[in-house]
Amino acid sequence: MERRCAEIWRYRELLYFLAWREVKVRYKQAALGTAWAIIQPLLAMIIFTLFFGRLAGMPSDGLPYSLFCYCALVPWTYFSGVLAFAGNSLVSNSNLITKVYFPRVLLPAASALAGFVDFLISGSFLVVLMAYYRVTPNWRLLLIPLFIAGIGFLTLGLSMFFAALNVRFRDVKYVLPFLIQIGLFCTPIIYPSTLVPHRFRWLLSLNPCWGLIEGFRGCILPVKPINLTVTAISMAVTLLVFITGVLYFRRTERTFADLI
């Protein structure tokens, strides 16, 4: 593992190049450019607010529903967007894999790194929403790097796993969007976790996005408590997912050039 980390460090400039290339390709010939990083979660927030907040009367723990929803959409949009791109990162770069040697993990890692650009842009609009609703964060804001790191490791672990799996089974690119859609409704984004009976919350926390996104929301919004038990379970599952992704990627990496 130490040898592999050293190798990745030697190729860090290539990682930055691949990440920057992905950012440019993503918004190439897009009239609104990086504004789409805000528009996507913003439109989702508006739709969810109209249908769930207004028509369905979904509770939001005493917070404005639009702020409650957008706060969770920021990390979710990063997670789902990166996973959709990274899951196909090896297949879409088959010409590089078959011709040039470099640590293959740089491709899904570049997608995860490039996604942080969108994360920062969409997060900047969250500041505007908080100012509009006059919500002031408290000391828990200092914990937000912990949850951002957790989301990053979870995203990278799943990206490595699905990218490697997609080399062997091309069905992954069709299954992945479906799994992401299911994950949206299995994570407390459009509804509060308090709607779920207490005795079932530990089970739902096995979905690592549950505790990570709830923790992210709790760091931003002072009236939202952070459930330490759910957070601990989600962090443990995240670590397991990351290790599994790394091990599976390493085991299958040697066959990429033959199968792709």
C-alpha atoms as a PDB file:
ATOM      1  CA  MET A   1       0.000   0.000   0.000  1.00  0.00           C
ATOM      2  CA  GLU A   2       2.832   2.382   0.871  1.00  0.00           C
ATOM      3  CA  ARG A   3       4.494   1.623  -2.464  1.00  0.00           C
ATOM      4  CA  ARG A   4       1.255   2.314  -4.321  1.00  0.00           C
ATOM      5  CA  CYS A   5       0.742   5.638  -2.503  1.00  0.00           C
ATOM      6  CA  ALA A   6       4.294   6.654  -3.404  1.00  0.00           C
ATOM      7  CA  GLU A   7       3.623   5.806  -7.046  1.00  0.00           C
ATOM      8  CA  ILE A   8       0.437   7.885  -7.073  1.00  0.00           C
ATOM      9  CA  TRP A   9       2.357  10.772  -5.507  1.00  0.00           C
ATOM     10  CA  ARG A  10       4.906  10.613  -8.327  1.00  0.00           C
ATOM     11  CA  TYR A  11       2.063  10.907 -10.842  1.00  0.00           C
ATOM     12  CA  ARG A  12       0.276  13.724  -8.970  1.00  0.00           C
ATOM     13  CA  GLU A  13       0.782  16.177 -11.819  1.00  0.00           C
ATOM     14  CA  LEU A  14      -0.977  13.769 -14.176  1.00  0.00           C
ATOM     15  CA  LEU A  15      -3.827  13.541 -11.642  1.00  0.00           C
ATOM     16  CA  TYR A  16      -4.224  17.314 -11.667  1.00  0.00           C
ATOM     17  CA  PHE A  17      -4.108  17.357 -15.462  1.00  0.00           C
ATOM     18  CA  LEU A  18      -6.760  14.643 -15.777  1.00  0.00           C
ATOM     19  CA  ALA A  19      -8.988  16.393 -13.251  1.00  0.00           C
ATOM     20  CA  TRP A  20      -8.675  19.749 -15.021  1.00  0.00           C
ATOM     21  CA  ARG A  21      -9.294  18.072 -18.384  1.00  0.00           C
ATOM     22  CA  GLU A  22     -12.497  16.551 -17.040  1.00  0.00           C
ATOM     23  CA  VAL A  23     -13.693  19.934 -15.777  1.00  0.00           C
ATOM     24  CA  LYS A  24     -13.096  21.484 -19.200  1.00  0.00           C
ATOM     25  CA  VAL A  25     -14.712  18.599 -21.081  1.00  0.00           C
ATOM     26  CA  ARG A  26     -17.743  18.650 -18.800  1.00  0.00           C
ATOM     27  CA  TYR A  27     -18.530  22.264 -19.633  1.00  0.00           C
ATOM     28  CA  LYS A  28     -17.146  22.405 -23.169  1.00  0.00           C
ATOM     29  CA  GLN A  29     -19.434  24.422 -25.468  1.00  0.00           C
ATOM     30  CA  ALA A  30     -21.901  24.914 -22.581  1.00  0.00           C
ATOM     31  CA  ALA A  31     -23.361  28.398 -22.849  1.00  0.00           C
ATOM     32  CA  LEU A  32     -23.766  28.725 -19.072  1.00  0.00           C
ATOM     33  CA  GLY A  33     -20.466  27.045 -18.253  1.00  0.00           C
ATOM     34  CA  THR A  34     -19.823  26.308 -14.572  1.00  0.00           C
ATOM     35  CA  ALA A  35     -23.133  27.963 -13.665  1.00  0.00           C
ATOM     36  CA  TRP A  36     -24.637  24.510 -14.221  1.00  0.00           C
ATOM     37  CA  ALA A  37     -23.002  23.491 -10.925  1.00  0.00           C
ATOM     38  CA  ILE A  38     -25.532  25.772  -9.201  1.00  0.00           C
ATOM     39  CA  ILE A  39     -28.410  25.375 -11.662  1.00  0.00           C
ATOM     40  CA  GLN A  40     -28.687  21.583 -11.245  1.00  0.00           C
ATOM     41  CA  PRO A  41     -29.195  21.474  -7.453  1.00  0.00           C
ATOM     42  CA  LEU A  42     -31.141  24.747  -7.606  1.00  0.00           C
ATOM     43  CA  LEU A  43     -33.698  23.367 -10.077  1.00  0.00           C
ATOM     44  CA  ALA A  44     -33.966  20.167  -8.036  1.00  0.00           C
ATOM     45  CA  MET A  45     -34.556  22.277  -4.917  1.00  0.00           C
ATOM     46  CA  ILE A  46     -37.311  24.270  -6.642  1.00  0.00           C
ATOM     47  CA  ILE A  47     -39.067  21.114  -7.872  1.00  0.00           C
ATOM     48  CA  PHE A  48     -38.822  19.386  -4.498  1.00  0.00           C
ATOM     49  CA  THR A  49     -40.001  22.521  -2.700  1.00  0.00           C
ATOM     50  CA  LEU A  50     -43.072  22.849  -4.937  1.00  0.00           C
ATOM     51  CA  PHE A  51     -44.128  19.199  -4.893  1.00  0.00           C
ATOM     52  CA  PHE A  52     -42.970  17.975  -1.497  1.00  0.00           C
ATOM     53  CA  GLY A  53     -42.690  21.168   0.550  1.00  0.00           C
ATOM     54  CA  ARG A  54     -45.852  22.942  -0.616  1.00  0.00           C
ATOM     55  CA  LEU A  55     -48.196  20.351  -2.127  1.00  0.00           C
ATOM     56  CA  ALA A  56     -47.340  17.367   0.078  1.00  0.00           C
ATOM     57  CA  GLY A  57     -46.587  19.459   3.178  1.00  0.00           C
ATOM     58  CA  MET A  58     -43.366  17.579   3.936  1.00  0.00           C
ATOM     59  CA  PRO A  59     -41.949  18.673   7.327  1.00  0.00           C
ATOM     60  CA  SER A  60     -38.461  20.164   7.447  1.00  0.00           C
ATOM     61  CA  ASP A  61     -37.655  20.262  11.170  1.00  0.00           C
ATOM     62  CA  GLY A  62     -38.777  23.869  11.517  1.00  0.00           C
ATOM     63  CA  LEU A  63     -36.494  25.128   8.745  1.00  0.00           C
ATOM     64  CA  PRO A  64     -37.454  26.727   5.419  1.00  0.00           C
ATOM     65  CA  TYR A  65     -37.942  23.703   3.168  1.00  0.00           C
ATOM     66  CA  SER A  66     -35.857  25.131   0.321  1.00  0.00           C
ATOM     67  CA  LEU A  67     -32.858  25.657   2.613  1.00  0.00           C
ATOM     68  CA  PHE A  68     -33.386  22.267   4.277  1.00  0.00           C
ATOM     69  CA  CYS A  69     -33.429  20.554   0.871  1.00  0.00           C
ATOM     70  CA  TYR A  70     -30.629  22.487  -0.842  1.00  0.00           C
ATOM     71  CA  CYS A  71     -28.280  21.888   2.087  1.00  0.00           C
ATOM     72  CA  ALA A  72     -28.500  18.141   1.438  1.00  0.00           C
ATOM     73  CA  LEU A  73     -28.504  18.480  -2.353  1.00  0.00           C
ATOM     74  CA  VAL A  74     -25.028  20.049  -2.339  1.00  0.00           C
ATOM     75  CA  PRO A  75     -23.203  16.873  -1.144  1.00  0.00           C
ATOM     76  CA  TRP A  76     -25.671  14.574  -2.900  1.00  0.00           C
ATOM     77  CA  THR A  77     -25.135  16.265  -6.270  1.00  0.00           C
ATOM     78  CA  TYR A  78     -21.386  15.837  -5.819  1.00  0.00           C
ATOM     79  CA  PHE A  79     -21.758  12.175  -4.882  1.00  0.00           C
ATOM     80  CA  SER A  80     -24.195  11.240  -7.654  1.00  0.00           C
ATOM     81  CA  GLY A  81     -22.491  13.348 -10.336  1.00  0.00           C
ATOM     82  CA  VAL A  82     -19.014  11.991  -9.680  1.00  0.00           C
ATOM     83  CA  LEU A  83     -20.255   8.406  -9.452  1.00  0.00           C
ATOM     84  CA  ALA A  84     -22.004   8.715 -12.814  1.00  0.00           C
ATOM     85  CA  PHE A  85     -18.830  10.014 -14.490  1.00  0.00           C
ATOM     86  CA  ALA A  86     -16.267   7.890 -12.625  1.00  0.00           C
ATOM     87  CA  GLY A  87     -18.173   4.661 -13.178  1.00  0.00           C
ATOM     88  CA  ASN A  88     -17.373   4.979 -16.885  1.00  0.00           C
ATOM     89  CA  SER A  89     -13.942   6.603 -16.489  1.00  0.00           C
ATOM     90  CA  LEU A  90     -11.885   3.534 -17.428  1.00  0.00           C
ATOM     91  CA  VAL A  91     -13.960   2.527 -20.453  1.00  0.00           C
ATOM     92  CA  SER A  92     -14.115   6.075 -21.805  1.00  0.00           C
ATOM     93  CA  ASN A  93     -10.316   6.352 -21.545  1.00  0.00           C
ATOM     94  CA  SER A  94      -9.543   2.965 -23.102  1.00  0.00           C
ATOM     95  CA  ASN A  95      -7.095   4.558 -25.564  1.00  0.00           C
ATOM     96  CA  LEU A  96      -4.910   5.746 -22.683  1.00  0.00           C
ATOM     97  CA  ILE A  97      -5.073   2.469 -20.789  1.00  0.00           C
ATOM     98  CA  THR A  98      -3.984   0.365 -23.767  1.00  0.00           C
ATOM     99  CA  LYS A  99      -1.156   2.650 -24.882  1.00  0.00           C
ATOM    100  CA  VAL A 100       0.411   4.371 -21.859  1.00  0.00           C
ATOM    101  CA  TYR A 101       1.303   3.153 -18.381  1.00  0.00           C
ATOM    102  CA  PHE A 102       0.172   5.132 -15.356  1.00  0.00           C
ATOM    103  CA  PRO A 103      -1.651   4.187 -12.140  1.00  0.00           C
ATOM    104  CA  ARG A 104      -5.163   3.419 -13.406  1.00  0.00           C
ATOM    105  CA  VAL A 105      -6.679   4.651 -10.164  1.00  0.00           C
ATOM    106  CA  LEU A 106      -5.905   8.183 -11.325  1.00  0.00           C
ATOM    107  CA  LEU A 107      -8.898   8.074 -13.677  1.00  0.00           C
ATOM    108  CA  PRO A 108     -11.664   7.614 -11.068  1.00  0.00           C
ATOM    109  CA  ALA A 109      -9.655   9.768  -8.655  1.00  0.00           C
ATOM    110  CA  ALA A 110      -9.570  12.569 -11.248  1.00  0.00           C
ATOM    111  CA  SER A 111     -13.370  12.439 -11.502  1.00  0.00           C
ATOM    112  CA  ALA A 112     -13.664  12.704  -7.720  1.00  0.00           C
ATOM    113  CA  LEU A 113     -11.214  15.611  -7.631  1.00  0.00           C
ATOM    114  CA  ALA A 114     -12.889  17.444 -10.516  1.00  0.00           C
ATOM    115  CA  GLY A 115     -16.253  17.100  -8.797  1.00  0.00           C
ATOM    116  CA  PHE A 116     -15.040  19.247  -5.915  1.00  0.00           C
ATOM    117  CA  VAL A 117     -15.065  22.228  -8.278  1.00  0.00           C
ATOM    118  CA  ASP A 118     -18.824  21.812  -8.675  1.00  0.00           C
ATOM    119  CA  PHE A 119     -19.124  21.173  -4.948  1.00  0.00           C
ATOM    120  CA  LEU A 120     -17.486  24.491  -4.092  1.00  0.00           C
ATOM    121  CA  ILE A 121     -19.552  26.405  -6.653  1.00  0.00           C
ATOM    122  CA  SER A 122     -22.880  24.947  -5.521  1.00  0.00           C
ATOM    123  CA  GLY A 123     -21.845  25.402  -1.895  1.00  0.00           C
ATOM    124  CA  SER A 124     -21.317  29.114  -2.501  1.00  0.00           C
ATOM    125  CA  PHE A 125     -25.017  29.490  -3.286  1.00  0.00           C
ATOM    126  CA  LEU A 126     -25.784  27.821   0.028  1.00  0.00           C
ATOM    127  CA  VAL A 127     -24.177  30.835   1.709  1.00  0.00           C
ATOM    128  CA  VAL A 128     -26.593  33.082  -0.202  1.00  0.00           C
ATOM    129  CA  LEU A 129     -29.596  31.028   0.939  1.00  0.00           C
ATOM    130  CA  MET A 130     -28.434  31.117   4.562  1.00  0.00           C
ATOM    131  CA  ALA A 131     -28.047  34.890   4.404  1.00  0.00           C
ATOM    132  CA  TYR A 132     -31.512  35.236   2.831  1.00  0.00           C
ATOM    133  CA  TYR A 133     -33.159  33.173   5.588  1.00  0.00           C
ATOM    134  CA  ARG A 134     -30.916  34.738   8.261  1.00  0.00           C
ATOM    135  CA  VAL A 135     -29.483  31.438   9.437  1.00  0.00           C
ATOM    136  CA  THR A 136     -26.176  31.732  11.292  1.00  0.00           C
ATOM    137  CA  PRO A 137     -24.078  28.575  11.776  1.00  0.00           C
ATOM    138  CA  ASN A 138     -22.540  27.758  15.148  1.00  0.00           C
ATOM    139  CA  TRP A 139     -19.350  26.009  16.282  1.00  0.00           C
ATOM    140  CA  ARG A 140     -20.384  22.786  14.536  1.00  0.00           C
ATOM    141  CA  LEU A 141     -19.306  24.393  11.264  1.00  0.00           C
ATOM    142  CA  LEU A 142     -15.756  23.445  12.319  1.00  0.00           C
ATOM    143  CA  LEU A 143     -16.729  19.770  11.912  1.00  0.00           C
ATOM    144  CA  ILE A 144     -17.734  20.118   8.282  1.00  0.00           C
ATOM    145  CA  PRO A 145     -14.318  19.028   6.878  1.00  0.00           C
ATOM    146  CA  LEU A 146     -14.881  15.663   8.580  1.00  0.00           C
ATOM    147  CA  PHE A 147     -18.129  15.051   6.685  1.00  0.00           C
ATOM    148  CA  ILE A 148     -16.760  16.413   3.405  1.00  0.00           C
ATOM    149  CA  ALA A 149     -13.815  14.010   3.727  1.00  0.00           C
ATOM    150  CA  GLY A 150     -16.236  11.169   4.461  1.00  0.00           C
ATOM    151  CA  ILE A 151     -18.286  11.967   1.372  1.00  0.00           C
ATOM    152  CA  GLY A 152     -15.093  12.169  -0.679  1.00  0.00           C
ATOM    153  CA  PHE A 153     -13.800   8.770   0.494  1.00  0.00           C
ATOM    154  CA  LEU A 154     -17.202   7.154  -0.009  1.00  0.00           C
ATOM    155  CA  THR A 155     -17.450   8.566  -3.522  1.00  0.00           C
ATOM    156  CA  LEU A 156     -13.919   7.507  -4.422  1.00  0.00           C
ATOM    157  CA  GLY A 157     -14.377   3.998  -3.009  1.00  0.00           C
ATOM    158  CA  LEU A 158     -17.580   3.403  -4.969  1.00  0.00           C
ATOM    159  CA  SER A 159     -16.074   5.031  -8.070  1.00  0.00           C
ATOM    160  CA  MET A 160     -13.127   2.633  -8.037  1.00  0.00           C
ATOM    161  CA  PHE A 161     -15.390  -0.360  -7.517  1.00  0.00           C
ATOM    162  CA  PHE A 162     -17.905   0.470 -10.258  1.00  0.00           C
ATOM    163  CA  ALA A 163     -15.245   1.680 -12.706  1.00  0.00           C
ATOM    164  CA  ALA A 164     -13.388  -1.629 -12.355  1.00  0.00           C
ATOM    165  CA  LEU A 165     -16.623  -3.615 -12.514  1.00  0.00           C
ATOM    166  CA  ASN A 166     -17.683  -1.738 -15.651  1.00  0.00           C
ATOM    167  CA  VAL A 167     -14.587  -2.961 -17.491  1.00  0.00           C
ATOM    168  CA  ARG A 168     -15.808  -6.548 -17.151  1.00  0.00           C
ATOM    169  CA  PHE A 169     -19.567  -5.997 -17.156  1.00  0.00           C
ATOM    170  CA  ARG A 170     -20.746  -3.130 -19.369  1.00  0.00           C
ATOM    171  CA  ASP A 171     -24.220  -3.415 -17.835  1.00  0.00           C
ATOM    172  CA  VAL A 172     -22.893  -1.247 -14.992  1.00  0.00           C
ATOM    173  CA  LYS A 173     -23.408   1.959 -16.965  1.00  0.00           C
ATOM    174  CA  TYR A 174     -27.118   1.108 -17.229  1.00  0.00           C
ATOM    175  CA  VAL A 175     -27.538  -0.102 -13.653  1.00  0.00           C
ATOM    176  CA  LEU A 176     -25.647   2.762 -11.993  1.00  0.00           C
ATOM    177  CA  PRO A 177     -28.167   5.565 -12.780  1.00  0.00           C
ATOM    178  CA  PHE A 178     -30.929   3.341 -11.409  1.00  0.00           C
ATOM    179  CA  LEU A 179     -28.994   2.741  -8.167  1.00  0.00           C
ATOM    180  CA  ILE A 180     -28.310   6.465  -7.825  1.00  0.00           C
ATOM    181  CA  GLN A 181     -32.012   7.217  -8.228  1.00  0.00           C
ATOM    182  CA  ILE A 182     -32.890   4.696  -5.516  1.00  0.00           C
ATOM    183  CA  GLY A 183     -30.219   6.202  -3.273  1.00  0.00           C
ATOM    184  CA  LEU A 184     -31.861   9.623  -3.576  1.00  0.00           C
ATOM    185  CA  PHE A 185     -35.037   8.348  -1.935  1.00  0.00           C
ATOM    186  CA  CYS A 186     -33.187   6.198   0.615  1.00  0.00           C
ATOM    187  CA  THR A 187     -31.319   9.251   1.916  1.00  0.00           C
ATOM    188  CA  PRO A 188     -32.970  12.044   3.973  1.00  0.00           C
ATOM    189  CA  ILE A 189     -32.723  14.754   1.335  1.00  0.00           C
ATOM    190  CA  ILE A 190     -36.358  15.579   0.588  1.00  0.00           C
ATOM    191  CA  TYR A 191     -37.608  14.402   3.983  1.00  0.00           C
ATOM    192  CA  PRO A 192     -36.238  14.668   7.548  1.00  0.00           C
ATOM    193  CA  SER A 193     -34.793  11.629   9.275  1.00  0.00           C
ATOM    194  CA  THR A 194     -37.303  12.177  12.093  1.00  0.00           C
ATOM    195  CA  LEU A 195     -40.013  10.732   9.819  1.00  0.00           C
ATOM    196  CA  VAL A 196     -38.345   7.330  10.157  1.00  0.00           C
ATOM    197  CA  PRO A 197     -39.236   5.420  13.352  1.00  0.00           C
ATOM    198  CA  HIS A 198     -36.337   5.483  15.801  1.00  0.00           C
ATOM    199  CA  ARG A 199     -35.968   1.693  15.914  1.00  0.00           C
ATOM    200  CA  PHE A 200     -35.262   1.585  12.170  1.00  0.00           C
ATOM    201  CA  ARG A 201     -32.759   4.436  11.954  1.00  0.00           C
ATOM    202  CA  TRP A 202     -29.729   2.280  12.725  1.00  0.00           C
ATOM    203  CA  LEU A 203     -30.659   0.058   9.791  1.00  0.00           C
ATOM    204  CA  LEU A 204     -30.975   3.006   7.407  1.00  0.00           C
ATOM    205  CA  SER A 205     -27.659   4.373   8.643  1.00  0.00           C
ATOM    206  CA  LEU A 206     -26.050   1.393   6.885  1.00  0.00           C
ATOM    207  CA  ASN A 207     -26.588   3.611   3.855  1.00  0.00           C
ATOM    208  CA  PRO A 208     -23.468   5.728   4.440  1.00  0.00           C
ATOM    209  CA  CYS A 209     -24.957   8.719   2.635  1.00  0.00           C
ATOM    210  CA  TRP A 210     -27.558   8.881   5.404  1.00  0.00           C
ATOM    211  CA  GLY A 211     -25.209   9.803   8.248  1.00  0.00           C
ATOM    212  CA  LEU A 212     -22.794  11.812   6.090  1.00  0.00           C
ATOM    213  CA  ILE A 213     -25.438  14.058   4.529  1.00  0.00           C
ATOM    214  CA  GLU A 214     -27.327  14.429   7.818  1.00  0.00           C
ATOM    215  CA  GLY A 215     -24.033  15.354   9.492  1.00  0.00           C
ATOM    216  CA  PHE A 216     -23.237  17.855   6.738  1.00  0.00           C
ATOM    217  CA  ARG A 217     -26.662  19.412   7.182  1.00  0.00           C
ATOM    218  CA  GLY A 218     -26.220  19.494  10.959  1.00  0.00           C
ATOM    219  CA  CYS A 219     -22.914  21.357  10.617  1.00  0.00           C
ATOM    220  CA  ILE A 220     -24.534  24.023   8.457  1.00  0.00           C
ATOM    221  CA  LEU A 221     -27.899  24.410  10.198  1.00  0.00           C
ATOM    222  CA  PRO A 222     -27.599  24.950  13.976  1.00  0.00           C
ATOM    223  CA  VAL A 223     -31.127  23.715  14.789  1.00  0.00           C
ATOM    224  CA  LYS A 224     -30.346  20.290  13.276  1.00  0.00           C
ATOM    225  CA  PRO A 225     -28.715  17.940  15.804  1.00  0.00           C
ATOM    226  CA  ILE A 226     -25.995  15.519  14.734  1.00  0.00           C
ATOM    227  CA  ASN A 227     -26.787  11.922  15.663  1.00  0.00           C
ATOM    228  CA  LEU A 228     -23.431  10.550  16.804  1.00  0.00           C
ATOM    229  CA  THR A 229     -24.529   6.906  16.600  1.00  0.00           C
ATOM    230  CA  VAL A 230     -25.757   7.220  13.014  1.00  0.00           C
ATOM    231  CA  THR A 231     -22.649   9.208  12.106  1.00  0.00           C
ATOM    232  CA  ALA A 232     -20.333   6.561  13.571  1.00  0.00           C
ATOM    233  CA  ILE A 233     -22.117   3.749  11.705  1.00  0.00           C
ATOM    234  CA  SER A 234     -22.012   5.679   8.420  1.00  0.00           C
ATOM    235  CA  MET A 235     -18.325   6.489   8.869  1.00  0.00           C
ATOM    236  CA  ALA A 236     -17.538   2.829   9.561  1.00  0.00           C
ATOM    237  CA  VAL A 237     -19.476   1.718   6.474  1.00  0.00           C
ATOM    238  CA  THR A 238     -17.716   4.411   4.435  1.00  0.00           C
ATOM    239  CA  LEU A 239     -14.325   3.072   5.516  1.00  0.00           C
ATOM    240  CA  LEU A 240     -15.407  -0.466   4.621  1.00  0.00           C
ATOM    241  CA  VAL A 241     -16.667   0.676   1.204  1.00  0.00           C
ATOM    242  CA  PHE A 242     -13.417   2.535   0.509  1.00  0.00           C
ATOM    243  CA  ILE A 243     -11.219  -0.437   1.466  1.00  0.00           C
ATOM    244  CA  THR A 244     -13.394  -2.777  -0.609  1.00  0.00           C
ATOM    245  CA  GLY A 245     -13.150  -0.457  -3.608  1.00  0.00           C
ATOM    246  CA  VAL A 246      -9.357  -0.225  -3.310  1.00  0.00           C
ATOM    247  CA  LEU A 247      -8.903  -3.995  -2.970  1.00  0.00           C
ATOM    248  CA  TYR A 248     -11.217  -4.853  -5.857  1.00  0.00           C
ATOM    249  CA  PHE A 249      -9.593  -2.236  -8.080  1.00  0.00           C
ATOM    250  CA  ARG A 250      -6.099  -3.536  -7.313  1.00  0.00           C
ATOM    251  CA  ARG A 251      -7.140  -7.145  -7.910  1.00  0.00           C
ATOM    252  CA  THR A 252      -8.640  -6.450 -11.329  1.00  0.00           C
ATOM    253  CA  GLU A 253      -6.266  -3.713 -12.509  1.00  0.00           C
ATOM    254  CA  ARG A 254      -3.942  -6.097 -14.337  1.00  0.00           C
ATOM    255  CA  THR A 255      -6.711  -7.267 -16.666  1.00  0.00           C
ATOM    256  CA  PHE A 256      -7.958  -3.819 -17.720  1.00  0.00           C
ATOM    257  CA  ALA A 257      -5.842  -3.584 -20.882  1.00  0.00           C
ATOM    258  CA  ASP A 258      -6.969  -7.049 -22.018  1.00  0.00           C
ATOM    259  CA  LEU A 259     -10.674  -6.591 -21.367  1.00  0.00           C
ATOM    260  CA  ILE A 260     -11.236  -2.983 -22.287  1.00  0.00           C
END
